[in-house]
Amino acid sequence: MDFKSFKIIPDRIEAGTYLCAGAITNSVVKIEDIIPMHLDAVLAKFEEMGYMILKEPTSITICPANKLKPVNIITTEYPGFPTDMQAQFMAVATMADGTSIIDEKLFENRFMHVSELIRMGADISLNGTVATIKGTPKALIGTDVMATDLRASSALVLAGLVASEETRVHRIYHLDRGYDKLEEKLVNIGAKIVRDTE
């Protein structure tokens, strides 16, 4: 029997989430062993917001923005902006200087994280499939928040990275469906995160 060898492609959403960690903290973060072209739509939005993006054949580096600009996002099928990145970008948009708009075209009830971000001090309003985020840099305050799904939970972790007080994200079992040791990887680049049991 002739066996063929296959390599699973890297997870562009996981990579994009770690880039958002660099973005929301305005830090330099390099993601390796990825396919940059799979993230073209995401990288374009980072650049619109003022971040410098350095692409190499199998890596991406995000560099700080001098001024974080607001962004308009419409989710769509690949190769467009992925719905699985809108929650993370919403967290980043809370740090922008201005008003961002996110139009969720693919899934209903994909804004479950909004109420939790509002609990942390974010200024977000909803009108159907459209979320309006008024950037309030340095206004997020840590509190107890509830993860409602996989991407919502990662957005709350991201928001917690820049909140002025401790953030406790509950129901983190959602995270483990899409991220391998997320807290360990974030700790390795300087975050202060501890996983507890409930």
N, C-alpha and C. Protein backbone atom coordinates (compact mmCIF):
# COMPACT_ATOMS: atom_id res chain seq x y z
N MET A 1 0.84 -1.19 0.00
CA MET A 1 0.00 0.00 0.00
C MET A 1 0.88 1.25 0.00
N ASP A 2 0.51 2.21 -0.81
CA ASP A 2 1.28 3.45 -0.94
C ASP A 2 0.70 4.51 -0.02
N PHE A 3 1.43 4.85 1.05
CA PHE A 3 0.96 5.85 1.99
C PHE A 3 1.53 7.22 1.62
N LYS A 4 0.69 8.23 1.72
CA LYS A 4 1.14 9.60 1.46
C LYS A 4 1.18 10.38 2.76
N SER A 5 2.07 11.32 2.82
CA SER A 5 2.23 12.15 4.02
C SER A 5 1.56 13.50 3.79
N PHE A 6 0.78 13.92 4.78
CA PHE A 6 0.10 15.21 4.69
C PHE A 6 0.43 16.05 5.92
N LYS A 7 0.45 17.33 5.75
CA LYS A 7 0.69 18.24 6.88
C LYS A 7 -0.54 19.11 7.05
N ILE A 8 -1.05 19.15 8.27
CA ILE A 8 -2.22 19.99 8.56
C ILE A 8 -1.82 21.45 8.52
N ILE A 9 -2.63 22.27 7.88
CA ILE A 9 -2.30 23.69 7.79
C ILE A 9 -2.42 24.34 9.17
N PRO A 10 -1.65 25.38 9.41
CA PRO A 10 -1.73 26.09 10.69
C PRO A 10 -3.10 26.74 10.87
N ASP A 11 -3.47 26.95 12.14
CA ASP A 11 -4.77 27.54 12.47
C ASP A 11 -4.68 29.06 12.37
N ARG A 12 -5.28 29.62 11.33
CA ARG A 12 -5.18 31.07 11.12
C ARG A 12 -5.92 31.86 12.20
N ILE A 13 -6.96 31.27 12.80
CA ILE A 13 -7.70 31.99 13.84
C ILE A 13 -6.89 32.05 15.13
N GLU A 14 -6.24 30.96 15.46
CA GLU A 14 -5.36 30.98 16.64
C GLU A 14 -4.24 31.99 16.44
N ALA A 15 -3.64 31.96 15.26
CA ALA A 15 -2.57 32.93 14.96
C ALA A 15 -3.10 34.36 15.04
N GLY A 16 -4.27 34.59 14.47
CA GLY A 16 -4.86 35.93 14.51
C GLY A 16 -5.16 36.40 15.92
N THR A 17 -5.56 35.47 16.79
CA THR A 17 -5.84 35.82 18.18
C THR A 17 -4.57 36.29 18.89
N TYR A 18 -3.45 35.60 18.65
CA TYR A 18 -2.19 36.01 19.27
C TYR A 18 -1.70 37.35 18.70
N LEU A 19 -1.97 37.59 17.42
CA LEU A 19 -1.66 38.91 16.86
C LEU A 19 -2.51 39.98 17.54
N CYS A 20 -3.76 39.64 17.86
CA CYS A 20 -4.62 40.59 18.59
C CYS A 20 -4.08 40.87 19.99
N ALA A 21 -3.43 39.88 20.59
CA ALA A 21 -2.80 40.10 21.90
C ALA A 21 -1.71 41.15 21.77
N GLY A 22 -0.92 41.07 20.70
CA GLY A 22 0.07 42.10 20.44
C GLY A 22 -0.56 43.44 20.15
N ALA A 23 -1.67 43.40 19.40
CA ALA A 23 -2.35 44.64 19.01
C ALA A 23 -2.95 45.35 20.22
N ILE A 24 -3.68 44.63 21.06
CA ILE A 24 -4.40 45.28 22.16
C ILE A 24 -3.43 45.83 23.22
N THR A 25 -2.26 45.19 23.35
CA THR A 25 -1.26 45.67 24.30
C THR A 25 -0.24 46.59 23.62
N ASN A 26 -0.41 46.80 22.31
CA ASN A 26 0.48 47.64 21.50
C ASN A 26 1.93 47.19 21.68
N SER A 27 2.14 45.89 21.50
CA SER A 27 3.45 45.27 21.68
C SER A 27 3.90 44.61 20.39
N VAL A 28 5.18 44.27 20.34
CA VAL A 28 5.71 43.49 19.23
C VAL A 28 5.48 42.01 19.52
N VAL A 29 4.79 41.34 18.60
CA VAL A 29 4.57 39.89 18.74
C VAL A 29 4.83 39.25 17.38
N LYS A 30 5.63 38.19 17.40
CA LYS A 30 5.92 37.45 16.17
C LYS A 30 5.28 36.07 16.25
N ILE A 31 4.52 35.71 15.23
CA ILE A 31 3.87 34.41 15.14
C ILE A 31 4.59 33.61 14.06
N GLU A 32 5.06 32.41 14.43
CA GLU A 32 5.83 31.60 13.50
C GLU A 32 5.06 30.35 13.09
N ASP A 33 5.55 29.71 12.05
CA ASP A 33 4.97 28.47 11.52
C ASP A 33 3.52 28.66 11.09
N ILE A 34 3.28 29.71 10.34
CA ILE A 34 1.94 29.98 9.79
C ILE A 34 2.04 30.27 8.30
N ILE A 35 0.88 30.41 7.68
CA ILE A 35 0.83 30.77 6.26
C ILE A 35 0.25 32.19 6.18
N PRO A 36 1.10 33.20 6.02
CA PRO A 36 0.62 34.59 6.08
C PRO A 36 -0.54 34.91 5.15
N MET A 37 -0.56 34.33 3.95
CA MET A 37 -1.62 34.68 3.00
C MET A 37 -3.01 34.26 3.51
N HIS A 38 -3.07 33.28 4.42
CA HIS A 38 -4.35 32.88 5.00
C HIS A 38 -4.94 33.98 5.88
N LEU A 39 -4.12 34.94 6.27
CA LEU A 39 -4.55 36.02 7.16
C LEU A 39 -4.57 37.38 6.47
N ASP A 40 -4.55 37.39 5.15
CA ASP A 40 -4.46 38.67 4.42
C ASP A 40 -5.56 39.66 4.83
N ALA A 41 -6.80 39.20 4.94
CA ALA A 41 -7.90 40.11 5.28
C ALA A 41 -7.73 40.66 6.69
N VAL A 42 -7.26 39.83 7.61
CA VAL A 42 -7.03 40.25 8.98
C VAL A 42 -5.87 41.24 9.05
N LEU A 43 -4.79 40.93 8.35
CA LEU A 43 -3.61 41.80 8.36
C LEU A 43 -3.93 43.17 7.78
N ALA A 44 -4.79 43.20 6.76
CA ALA A 44 -5.18 44.48 6.16
C ALA A 44 -5.89 45.36 7.18
N LYS A 45 -6.71 44.76 8.04
CA LYS A 45 -7.41 45.54 9.07
C LYS A 45 -6.45 46.02 10.15
N PHE A 46 -5.46 45.20 10.51
CA PHE A 46 -4.44 45.67 11.44
C PHE A 46 -3.74 46.91 10.88
N GLU A 47 -3.39 46.83 9.59
CA GLU A 47 -2.68 47.96 8.97
C GLU A 47 -3.56 49.20 8.91
N GLU A 48 -4.85 49.03 8.64
CA GLU A 48 -5.78 50.17 8.67
C GLU A 48 -5.80 50.84 10.04
N MET A 49 -5.64 50.03 11.09
CA MET A 49 -5.67 50.57 12.45
C MET A 49 -4.36 51.23 12.85
N GLY A 50 -3.33 51.09 12.02
CA GLY A 50 -2.07 51.78 12.28
C GLY A 50 -0.92 50.90 12.69
N TYR A 51 -1.14 49.58 12.77
CA TYR A 51 -0.05 48.68 13.13
C TYR A 51 0.82 48.40 11.91
N MET A 52 2.11 48.21 12.15
CA MET A 52 3.00 47.80 11.08
C MET A 52 3.07 46.27 11.10
N ILE A 53 2.90 45.67 9.93
CA ILE A 53 2.92 44.22 9.80
C ILE A 53 4.13 43.82 8.95
N LEU A 54 4.94 42.91 9.50
CA LEU A 54 6.09 42.38 8.77
C LEU A 54 5.80 40.93 8.44
N LYS A 55 5.80 40.63 7.13
CA LYS A 55 5.51 39.26 6.70
C LYS A 55 6.77 38.60 6.15
N GLU A 56 6.98 37.35 6.59
CA GLU A 56 8.02 36.50 6.04
C GLU A 56 7.32 35.25 5.52
N PRO A 57 8.03 34.37 4.86
CA PRO A 57 7.36 33.20 4.26
C PRO A 57 6.52 32.38 5.23
N THR A 58 6.97 32.23 6.49
CA THR A 58 6.20 31.42 7.44
C THR A 58 6.00 32.13 8.79
N SER A 59 6.04 33.45 8.78
CA SER A 59 5.84 34.18 10.04
C SER A 59 5.25 35.56 9.78
N ILE A 60 4.65 36.11 10.83
CA ILE A 60 4.11 37.47 10.80
C ILE A 60 4.52 38.14 12.11
N THR A 61 4.97 39.39 12.02
CA THR A 61 5.26 40.19 13.20
C THR A 61 4.37 41.42 13.19
N ILE A 62 3.69 41.66 14.31
CA ILE A 62 2.91 42.89 14.45
C ILE A 62 3.70 43.86 15.33
N CYS A 63 3.78 45.10 14.87
CA CYS A 63 4.54 46.13 15.58
C CYS A 63 3.58 47.23 16.05
N PRO A 64 3.91 47.92 17.15
CA PRO A 64 2.98 48.89 17.74
C PRO A 64 2.54 49.99 16.78
N ALA A 65 1.35 50.50 17.03
CA ALA A 65 0.82 51.64 16.28
C ALA A 65 1.16 52.93 17.03
N ASN A 66 1.52 53.97 16.29
CA ASN A 66 1.76 55.27 16.91
C ASN A 66 0.45 55.85 17.44
N LYS A 67 -0.61 55.67 16.65
CA LYS A 67 -1.95 56.08 17.06
C LYS A 67 -2.91 55.01 16.57
N LEU A 68 -3.70 54.47 17.48
CA LEU A 68 -4.60 53.38 17.12
C LEU A 68 -5.89 53.93 16.53
N LYS A 69 -6.08 53.68 15.24
CA LYS A 69 -7.23 54.21 14.51
C LYS A 69 -8.41 53.24 14.58
N PRO A 70 -9.63 53.76 14.48
CA PRO A 70 -10.80 52.88 14.42
C PRO A 70 -10.85 52.13 13.10
N VAL A 71 -11.71 51.12 13.02
CA VAL A 71 -11.75 50.27 11.83
C VAL A 71 -13.20 49.87 11.54
N ASN A 72 -13.51 49.66 10.27
CA ASN A 72 -14.82 49.12 9.86
C ASN A 72 -14.60 47.72 9.32
N ILE A 73 -15.38 46.77 9.83
CA ILE A 73 -15.21 45.37 9.47
C ILE A 73 -16.56 44.78 9.06
N ILE A 74 -16.55 44.03 7.97
CA ILE A 74 -17.71 43.23 7.56
C ILE A 74 -17.23 41.78 7.46
N THR A 75 -17.83 40.89 8.25
CA THR A 75 -17.41 39.49 8.18
C THR A 75 -17.97 38.84 6.92
N THR A 76 -17.18 37.93 6.37
CA THR A 76 -17.60 37.24 5.16
C THR A 76 -16.80 35.95 5.03
N GLU A 77 -17.09 35.18 3.99
CA GLU A 77 -16.40 33.92 3.78
C GLU A 77 -14.95 34.17 3.38
N TYR A 78 -14.11 33.14 3.58
CA TYR A 78 -12.72 33.21 3.14
C TYR A 78 -12.68 33.48 1.64
N PRO A 79 -11.84 34.37 1.17
CA PRO A 79 -10.71 35.00 1.83
C PRO A 79 -11.02 36.33 2.52
N GLY A 80 -12.29 36.61 2.76
CA GLY A 80 -12.66 37.85 3.45
C GLY A 80 -12.37 37.79 4.93
N PHE A 81 -12.85 38.79 5.66
CA PHE A 81 -12.58 38.86 7.10
C PHE A 81 -13.39 37.79 7.82
N PRO A 82 -12.74 36.93 8.61
CA PRO A 82 -13.43 35.79 9.22
C PRO A 82 -14.30 36.17 10.42
N THR A 83 -15.48 35.59 10.47
CA THR A 83 -16.36 35.81 11.61
C THR A 83 -15.69 35.37 12.91
N ASP A 84 -14.80 34.39 12.84
CA ASP A 84 -14.12 33.91 14.03
C ASP A 84 -13.05 34.87 14.56
N MET A 85 -12.88 36.02 13.90
CA MET A 85 -11.95 37.03 14.41
C MET A 85 -12.65 38.30 14.87
N GLN A 86 -13.99 38.38 14.69
CA GLN A 86 -14.64 39.65 15.01
C GLN A 86 -14.67 39.95 16.49
N ALA A 87 -14.81 38.95 17.35
CA ALA A 87 -14.84 39.19 18.79
C ALA A 87 -13.49 39.72 19.28
N GLN A 88 -12.41 39.13 18.78
CA GLN A 88 -11.08 39.57 19.18
C GLN A 88 -10.81 41.00 18.70
N PHE A 89 -11.25 41.31 17.47
CA PHE A 89 -11.05 42.66 16.95
C PHE A 89 -11.92 43.67 17.69
N MET A 90 -13.08 43.23 18.16
CA MET A 90 -13.91 44.13 18.96
C MET A 90 -13.18 44.54 20.24
N ALA A 91 -12.52 43.57 20.86
CA ALA A 91 -11.73 43.89 22.06
C ALA A 91 -10.64 44.89 21.72
N VAL A 92 -9.94 44.68 20.61
CA VAL A 92 -8.89 45.61 20.19
C VAL A 92 -9.49 46.99 19.90
N ALA A 93 -10.65 47.02 19.26
CA ALA A 93 -11.28 48.30 18.90
C ALA A 93 -11.64 49.15 20.11
N THR A 94 -11.80 48.52 21.27
CA THR A 94 -12.09 49.33 22.47
C THR A 94 -10.93 50.23 22.83
N MET A 95 -9.75 49.94 22.31
CA MET A 95 -8.54 50.74 22.59
C MET A 95 -8.31 51.82 21.54
N ALA A 96 -9.10 51.81 20.45
CA ALA A 96 -8.88 52.75 19.35
C ALA A 96 -9.34 54.16 19.72
N ASP A 97 -8.78 55.12 19.03
CA ASP A 97 -9.15 56.52 19.21
C ASP A 97 -10.20 56.87 18.16
N GLY A 98 -11.46 56.54 18.45
CA GLY A 98 -12.55 56.80 17.51
C GLY A 98 -13.56 55.67 17.51
N THR A 99 -14.48 55.72 16.57
CA THR A 99 -15.59 54.77 16.53
C THR A 99 -15.39 53.73 15.45
N SER A 100 -15.44 52.46 15.85
CA SER A 100 -15.32 51.34 14.92
C SER A 100 -16.69 50.70 14.70
N ILE A 101 -16.85 50.09 13.53
CA ILE A 101 -18.10 49.41 13.18
C ILE A 101 -17.78 47.98 12.78
N ILE A 102 -18.51 47.03 13.35
CA ILE A 102 -18.38 45.63 12.94
C ILE A 102 -19.75 45.12 12.53
N ASP A 103 -19.84 44.68 11.28
CA ASP A 103 -21.08 44.14 10.73
C ASP A 103 -20.93 42.63 10.57
N GLU A 104 -21.66 41.88 11.40
CA GLU A 104 -21.59 40.41 11.39
C GLU A 104 -22.59 39.86 10.38
N LYS A 105 -22.08 39.44 9.22
CA LYS A 105 -22.94 39.00 8.12
C LYS A 105 -23.19 37.50 8.09
N LEU A 106 -22.42 36.72 8.86
CA LEU A 106 -22.48 35.27 8.70
C LEU A 106 -23.33 34.55 9.72
N PHE A 107 -23.29 34.98 10.99
CA PHE A 107 -23.99 34.22 12.03
C PHE A 107 -24.83 35.12 12.92
N GLU A 108 -26.00 34.63 13.30
CA GLU A 108 -26.81 35.32 14.29
C GLU A 108 -26.25 35.03 15.68
N ASN A 109 -26.58 35.87 16.62
CA ASN A 109 -26.17 35.68 18.02
C ASN A 109 -24.65 35.56 18.17
N ARG A 110 -23.91 36.29 17.35
CA ARG A 110 -22.45 36.22 17.43
C ARG A 110 -21.89 37.39 18.23
N PHE A 111 -22.77 38.12 18.91
CA PHE A 111 -22.32 39.26 19.71
C PHE A 111 -22.55 39.01 21.21
N MET A 112 -22.49 37.75 21.63
CA MET A 112 -22.73 37.43 23.03
C MET A 112 -21.68 38.04 23.96
N HIS A 113 -20.52 38.33 23.43
CA HIS A 113 -19.44 38.91 24.23
C HIS A 113 -19.64 40.39 24.51
N VAL A 114 -20.55 41.04 23.78
CA VAL A 114 -20.71 42.49 23.92
C VAL A 114 -21.10 42.88 25.35
N SER A 115 -22.07 42.18 25.91
CA SER A 115 -22.53 42.55 27.26
C SER A 115 -21.41 42.40 28.28
N GLU A 116 -20.54 41.41 28.08
CA GLU A 116 -19.43 41.20 29.01
C GLU A 116 -18.37 42.29 28.85
N LEU A 117 -18.10 42.69 27.61
CA LEU A 117 -17.16 43.80 27.40
C LEU A 117 -17.71 45.10 27.98
N ILE A 118 -19.01 45.29 27.88
CA ILE A 118 -19.64 46.47 28.47
C ILE A 118 -19.47 46.45 29.99
N ARG A 119 -19.58 45.27 30.59
CA ARG A 119 -19.35 45.15 32.04
C ARG A 119 -17.94 45.58 32.43
N MET A 120 -17.02 45.47 31.48
CA MET A 120 -15.64 45.87 31.74
C MET A 120 -15.40 47.35 31.44
N GLY A 121 -16.44 48.04 30.98
CA GLY A 121 -16.31 49.47 30.72
C GLY A 121 -16.29 49.88 29.26
N ALA A 122 -16.42 48.92 28.35
CA ALA A 122 -16.43 49.24 26.93
C ALA A 122 -17.72 49.99 26.55
N ASP A 123 -17.62 50.86 25.56
CA ASP A 123 -18.77 51.62 25.05
C ASP A 123 -19.18 51.00 23.71
N ILE A 124 -20.11 50.06 23.76
CA ILE A 124 -20.53 49.32 22.56
C ILE A 124 -22.05 49.32 22.48
N SER A 125 -22.58 49.59 21.29
CA SER A 125 -24.02 49.50 21.09
C SER A 125 -24.30 48.58 19.91
N LEU A 126 -25.46 47.92 19.97
CA LEU A 126 -25.85 46.97 18.93
C LEU A 126 -27.10 47.44 18.21
N ASN A 127 -27.12 47.22 16.90
CA ASN A 127 -28.30 47.47 16.09
C ASN A 127 -28.38 46.34 15.07
N GLY A 128 -29.11 45.30 15.41
CA GLY A 128 -29.20 44.14 14.53
C GLY A 128 -27.87 43.44 14.42
N THR A 129 -27.34 43.38 13.19
CA THR A 129 -26.07 42.70 12.96
C THR A 129 -24.87 43.62 13.07
N VAL A 130 -25.10 44.86 13.48
CA VAL A 130 -24.03 45.86 13.50
C VAL A 130 -23.70 46.28 14.93
N ALA A 131 -22.42 46.21 15.26
CA ALA A 131 -21.92 46.68 16.55
C ALA A 131 -21.12 47.95 16.34
N THR A 132 -21.39 48.95 17.15
CA THR A 132 -20.65 50.21 17.11
C THR A 132 -19.82 50.31 18.39
N ILE A 133 -18.53 50.42 18.21
CA ILE A 133 -17.60 50.45 19.35
C ILE A 133 -16.96 51.83 19.42
N LYS A 134 -17.25 52.56 20.47
CA LYS A 134 -16.61 53.86 20.68
C LYS A 134 -15.36 53.62 21.51
N GLY A 135 -14.22 53.79 20.87
CA GLY A 135 -12.96 53.52 21.54
C GLY A 135 -12.77 54.37 22.78
N THR A 136 -12.42 53.72 23.86
CA THR A 136 -12.17 54.42 25.12
C THR A 136 -10.86 53.89 25.69
N PRO A 137 -9.73 54.28 25.11
CA PRO A 137 -8.44 53.74 25.54
C PRO A 137 -8.23 53.86 27.05
N LYS A 138 -7.72 52.79 27.61
CA LYS A 138 -7.39 52.70 29.04
C LYS A 138 -8.61 52.78 29.94
N ALA A 139 -9.82 52.55 29.39
CA ALA A 139 -11.03 52.64 30.20
C ALA A 139 -11.51 51.29 30.72
N LEU A 140 -10.97 50.19 30.19
CA LEU A 140 -11.46 48.89 30.62
C LEU A 140 -11.03 48.59 32.06
N ILE A 141 -11.98 48.03 32.80
CA ILE A 141 -11.75 47.70 34.21
C ILE A 141 -12.04 46.21 34.40
N GLY A 142 -11.12 45.51 35.03
CA GLY A 142 -11.29 44.09 35.25
C GLY A 142 -12.45 43.78 36.18
N THR A 143 -13.14 42.69 35.89
CA THR A 143 -14.26 42.25 36.72
C THR A 143 -14.51 40.77 36.42
N ASP A 144 -15.55 40.20 36.98
CA ASP A 144 -15.93 38.83 36.64
C ASP A 144 -16.77 38.85 35.37
N VAL A 145 -16.35 38.08 34.37
CA VAL A 145 -17.09 38.01 33.12
C VAL A 145 -17.32 36.54 32.76
N MET A 146 -18.31 36.31 31.92
CA MET A 146 -18.73 34.96 31.57
C MET A 146 -18.49 34.70 30.09
N ALA A 147 -17.71 33.68 29.80
CA ALA A 147 -17.48 33.28 28.41
C ALA A 147 -18.71 32.53 27.89
N THR A 148 -19.20 32.92 26.72
CA THR A 148 -20.39 32.30 26.16
C THR A 148 -20.08 31.37 25.00
N ASP A 149 -18.92 31.54 24.39
CA ASP A 149 -18.48 30.65 23.32
C ASP A 149 -16.97 30.77 23.16
N LEU A 150 -16.43 30.05 22.21
CA LEU A 150 -14.98 29.98 22.02
C LEU A 150 -14.36 31.34 21.76
N ARG A 151 -14.84 32.03 20.73
CA ARG A 151 -14.20 33.30 20.35
C ARG A 151 -14.52 34.40 21.36
N ALA A 152 -15.71 34.37 21.96
CA ALA A 152 -16.04 35.34 23.00
C ALA A 152 -15.07 35.21 24.16
N SER A 153 -14.74 33.98 24.52
CA SER A 153 -13.84 33.78 25.66
C SER A 153 -12.46 34.34 25.36
N SER A 154 -11.97 34.16 24.13
CA SER A 154 -10.65 34.71 23.81
C SER A 154 -10.68 36.23 23.80
N ALA A 155 -11.80 36.82 23.37
CA ALA A 155 -11.92 38.29 23.39
C ALA A 155 -11.88 38.82 24.81
N LEU A 156 -12.49 38.10 25.74
CA LEU A 156 -12.49 38.55 27.14
C LEU A 156 -11.10 38.42 27.76
N VAL A 157 -10.37 37.37 27.38
CA VAL A 157 -8.99 37.25 27.84
C VAL A 157 -8.16 38.41 27.31
N LEU A 158 -8.34 38.75 26.03
CA LEU A 158 -7.61 39.87 25.44
C LEU A 158 -7.93 41.17 26.17
N ALA A 159 -9.21 41.40 26.43
CA ALA A 159 -9.61 42.62 27.14
C ALA A 159 -8.97 42.65 28.53
N GLY A 160 -8.90 41.48 29.16
CA GLY A 160 -8.29 41.41 30.48
C GLY A 160 -6.82 41.78 30.48
N LEU A 161 -6.14 41.61 29.34
CA LEU A 161 -4.72 41.97 29.26
C LEU A 161 -4.49 43.46 29.48
N VAL A 162 -5.48 44.29 29.15
CA VAL A 162 -5.30 45.74 29.26
C VAL A 162 -6.21 46.38 30.30
N ALA A 163 -7.04 45.57 30.96
CA ALA A 163 -7.93 46.12 31.99
C ALA A 163 -7.11 46.58 33.19
N SER A 164 -7.61 47.60 33.87
CA SER A 164 -6.85 48.21 34.96
C SER A 164 -6.85 47.38 36.23
N GLU A 165 -7.75 46.43 36.36
CA GLU A 165 -7.78 45.57 37.53
C GLU A 165 -7.89 44.12 37.08
N GLU A 166 -7.89 43.22 38.04
CA GLU A 166 -7.93 41.79 37.72
C GLU A 166 -9.24 41.41 37.02
N THR A 167 -9.10 40.62 35.97
CA THR A 167 -10.25 40.09 35.24
C THR A 167 -10.34 38.59 35.49
N ARG A 168 -11.52 38.12 35.82
CA ARG A 168 -11.74 36.69 36.01
C ARG A 168 -12.74 36.21 34.95
N VAL A 169 -12.26 35.37 34.05
CA VAL A 169 -13.10 34.85 32.97
C VAL A 169 -13.60 33.47 33.38
N HIS A 170 -14.91 33.33 33.50
CA HIS A 170 -15.52 32.07 33.90
C HIS A 170 -15.96 31.27 32.67
N ARG A 171 -16.12 29.97 32.87
CA ARG A 171 -16.51 29.03 31.80
C ARG A 171 -15.45 28.96 30.70
N ILE A 172 -14.19 28.89 31.13
CA ILE A 172 -13.10 28.89 30.16
C ILE A 172 -12.95 27.58 29.40
N TYR A 173 -13.81 26.61 29.73
CA TYR A 173 -13.75 25.36 28.95
C TYR A 173 -14.00 25.63 27.47
N HIS A 174 -14.66 26.74 27.17
CA HIS A 174 -14.84 27.11 25.76
C HIS A 174 -13.48 27.31 25.07
N LEU A 175 -12.53 27.92 25.79
CA LEU A 175 -11.21 28.20 25.21
C LEU A 175 -10.53 26.94 24.72
N ASP A 176 -10.66 25.88 25.49
CA ASP A 176 -9.91 24.67 25.18
C ASP A 176 -10.39 23.96 23.92
N ARG A 177 -11.53 24.37 23.38
CA ARG A 177 -12.00 23.79 22.11
C ARG A 177 -11.23 24.34 20.93
N GLY A 178 -10.58 25.49 21.10
CA GLY A 178 -9.93 26.11 19.96
C GLY A 178 -8.51 26.58 20.17
N TYR A 179 -8.02 26.49 21.42
CA TYR A 179 -6.68 26.97 21.71
C TYR A 179 -5.94 25.93 22.55
N ASP A 180 -4.71 25.67 22.18
CA ASP A 180 -3.88 24.75 22.94
C ASP A 180 -3.01 25.55 23.91
N LYS A 181 -3.31 25.45 25.22
CA LYS A 181 -2.51 26.12 26.25
C LYS A 181 -2.40 27.62 26.02
N LEU A 182 -3.52 28.26 25.73
CA LEU A 182 -3.53 29.69 25.45
C LEU A 182 -2.87 30.49 26.54
N GLU A 183 -3.20 30.19 27.81
CA GLU A 183 -2.65 31.00 28.90
C GLU A 183 -1.14 30.83 28.99
N GLU A 184 -0.63 29.62 28.73
CA GLU A 184 0.82 29.42 28.79
C GLU A 184 1.53 30.21 27.71
N LYS A 185 0.96 30.24 26.52
CA LYS A 185 1.58 30.97 25.42
C LYS A 185 1.57 32.48 25.69
N LEU A 186 0.48 32.98 26.28
CA LEU A 186 0.43 34.40 26.60
C LEU A 186 1.38 34.75 27.74
N VAL A 187 1.50 33.86 28.71
CA VAL A 187 2.47 34.08 29.80
C VAL A 187 3.88 34.15 29.24
N ASN A 188 4.17 33.32 28.24
CA ASN A 188 5.51 33.30 27.64
C ASN A 188 5.87 34.60 26.95
N ILE A 189 4.88 35.42 26.61
CA ILE A 189 5.18 36.71 25.99
C ILE A 189 4.86 37.87 26.94
N GLY A 190 4.73 37.56 28.24
CA GLY A 190 4.66 38.63 29.23
C GLY A 190 3.35 38.85 29.94
N ALA A 191 2.31 38.10 29.60
CA ALA A 191 1.01 38.28 30.27
C ALA A 191 1.04 37.68 31.66
N LYS A 192 0.20 38.21 32.53
CA LYS A 192 0.05 37.67 33.88
C LYS A 192 -1.31 36.97 33.95
N ILE A 193 -1.29 35.66 33.75
CA ILE A 193 -2.51 34.86 33.69
C ILE A 193 -2.32 33.59 34.51
N VAL A 194 -3.33 33.24 35.28
CA VAL A 194 -3.34 32.01 36.04
C VAL A 194 -4.65 31.29 35.77
N ARG A 195 -4.57 29.99 35.49
CA ARG A 195 -5.79 29.19 35.30
C ARG A 195 -6.18 28.58 36.64
N ASP A 196 -7.41 28.86 37.07
CA ASP A 196 -7.93 28.30 38.30
C ASP A 196 -9.06 27.34 37.99
N THR A 197 -9.49 26.59 38.98
CA THR A 197 -10.66 25.70 38.83
C THR A 197 -11.84 26.32 39.57
N GLU A 198 -13.04 25.99 39.08
CA GLU A 198 -14.26 26.49 39.71
C GLU A 198 -15.04 25.34 40.31
